[in-house]
Amino acid sequence: MEYAAKFNELSWFAPHQVNTEERRMDHFEQGLKGSIRSMIVGQTFEKIQGMYQRTVKIARVLEELESESRAMNLGKRKLELNRGGFKGMNSKQLMPGKPQGKGKQPMA
């Protein structure tokens, strides 16, 4: 939605670039994020409004997927910590104040 607002704003400065519906849609499509553009490129629209509405729906779905992915990754990290630490680290490396070396410590 932010991109569409900026697109409309900038269109005022170059009306000859967007003087037909087809040119307007072409320029709008070119400025989309690659992930959204790849989903829009094969579709046909008569008006930019339809293209805009589809773009907003795609952006929402992608945001939801990213959010779910972040939540899943966070859950995995928490699970790893609860199971005994990060990959490649043993529990001694995660406990501050405990001796890290091998063998017994000399008595003082």
Protein backbone atom coordinates (compact mmCIF):
# COMPACT_ATOMS: atom_id res chain seq x y z
CA MET A 1 0.00 0.00 0.00
CA GLU A 2 2.95 2.31 0.72
CA TYR A 3 4.37 1.59 -2.71
CA ALA A 4 1.03 2.33 -4.39
CA ALA A 5 0.76 5.67 -2.58
CA LYS A 6 4.31 6.61 -3.61
CA PHE A 7 3.63 5.45 -7.17
CA ASN A 8 0.55 7.68 -7.40
CA GLU A 9 2.47 10.60 -5.93
CA LEU A 10 5.34 10.24 -8.40
CA SER A 11 2.93 9.77 -11.31
CA TRP A 12 2.04 13.43 -11.02
CA PHE A 13 5.60 14.38 -11.95
CA ALA A 14 5.72 12.22 -15.10
CA PRO A 15 2.20 12.03 -16.54
CA HIS A 16 3.54 11.11 -19.99
CA GLN A 17 5.01 7.91 -18.46
CA VAL A 18 1.61 6.74 -17.24
CA ASN A 19 -0.74 8.28 -19.79
CA THR A 20 -2.49 4.99 -20.61
CA GLU A 21 -3.81 2.28 -18.33
CA GLU A 22 -1.41 -0.24 -19.89
CA ARG A 23 1.65 1.98 -19.36
CA ARG A 24 0.51 2.73 -15.82
CA MET A 25 0.23 -1.00 -15.04
CA ASP A 26 3.60 -1.73 -16.65
CA HIS A 27 5.36 0.90 -14.55
CA PHE A 28 3.53 -0.20 -11.42
CA GLU A 29 4.56 -3.82 -12.02
CA GLN A 30 8.20 -2.88 -12.62
CA GLY A 31 8.45 -1.21 -9.21
CA LEU A 32 7.08 -4.14 -7.21
CA LYS A 33 9.26 -6.34 -5.00
CA GLY A 34 10.58 -9.33 -6.90
CA SER A 35 8.60 -11.83 -4.83
CA ILE A 36 5.34 -10.01 -5.54
CA ARG A 37 6.18 -9.23 -9.16
CA SER A 38 6.90 -12.90 -9.88
CA MET A 39 3.37 -13.75 -8.74
CA ILE A 40 1.73 -10.92 -10.69
CA VAL A 41 3.64 -11.20 -13.95
CA GLY A 42 1.57 -14.03 -15.44
CA GLN A 43 -1.78 -12.45 -14.66
CA THR A 44 -3.79 -10.15 -16.90
CA PHE A 45 -5.59 -7.10 -15.59
CA GLU A 46 -7.85 -4.63 -17.36
CA LYS A 47 -7.38 -1.86 -14.81
CA ILE A 48 -4.65 -0.92 -12.37
CA GLN A 49 -7.16 -1.12 -9.53
CA GLY A 50 -7.47 -4.89 -10.04
CA MET A 51 -3.69 -5.22 -10.17
CA TYR A 52 -3.37 -3.16 -7.01
CA GLN A 53 -5.95 -5.25 -5.14
CA ARG A 54 -4.22 -8.50 -6.13
CA THR A 55 -0.84 -7.06 -5.14
CA VAL A 56 -2.14 -6.13 -1.68
CA LYS A 57 -3.50 -9.66 -1.17
CA ILE A 58 -0.20 -11.22 -2.23
CA ALA A 59 1.77 -8.88 0.04
CA ARG A 60 -0.44 -9.82 3.00
CA VAL A 61 0.02 -13.54 2.37
CA LEU A 62 3.79 -13.13 2.07
CA GLU A 63 3.90 -11.13 5.31
CA GLU A 64 1.85 -13.82 7.08
CA LEU A 65 4.19 -16.53 5.78
CA GLU A 66 7.25 -14.58 6.94
CA SER A 67 5.68 -14.03 10.34
CA GLU A 68 4.83 -17.72 10.70
CA SER A 69 8.35 -18.66 9.63
CA ARG A 70 9.89 -16.31 12.21
CA ALA A 71 7.62 -17.74 14.91
CA MET A 72 8.56 -21.30 13.95
CA ASN A 73 12.27 -20.45 13.97
CA LEU A 74 11.93 -18.82 17.38
CA GLY A 75 10.12 -21.92 18.66
CA LYS A 76 12.89 -24.14 17.30
CA ARG A 77 15.56 -22.04 19.04
CA LYS A 78 13.69 -22.21 22.33
CA LEU A 79 13.31 -25.96 21.94
CA GLU A 80 17.06 -26.32 21.29
CA LEU A 81 17.84 -24.34 24.41
CA ASN A 82 15.46 -26.46 26.48
CA ARG A 83 17.03 -29.64 25.12
CA GLY A 84 20.51 -28.69 26.19
CA GLY A 85 21.93 -25.89 24.13
CA PHE A 86 22.80 -24.70 20.70
CA LYS A 87 24.13 -27.01 18.06
CA GLY A 88 27.86 -27.47 18.46
CA MET A 89 27.91 -26.28 22.07
CA ASN A 90 27.79 -28.42 25.15
CA SER A 91 26.06 -27.49 28.37
CA LYS A 92 29.36 -26.46 30.03
CA GLN A 93 29.85 -23.75 27.41
CA LEU A 94 26.43 -22.30 28.21
CA MET A 95 26.99 -22.10 31.98
CA PRO A 96 28.92 -19.00 33.02
CA GLY A 97 31.18 -19.27 36.05
CA LYS A 98 31.88 -22.97 35.58
CA PRO A 99 35.40 -24.06 34.63
CA GLN A 100 35.72 -24.61 30.88
CA GLY A 101 38.96 -26.62 30.80
CA LYS A 102 39.39 -30.35 30.86
CA GLY A 103 40.38 -32.22 33.98
CA LYS A 104 40.32 -31.10 37.59
CA GLN A 105 41.03 -27.59 38.71
CA PRO A 106 43.99 -27.12 41.14
CA MET A 107 42.96 -26.53 44.71
CA ALA A 108 43.79 -23.10 46.08
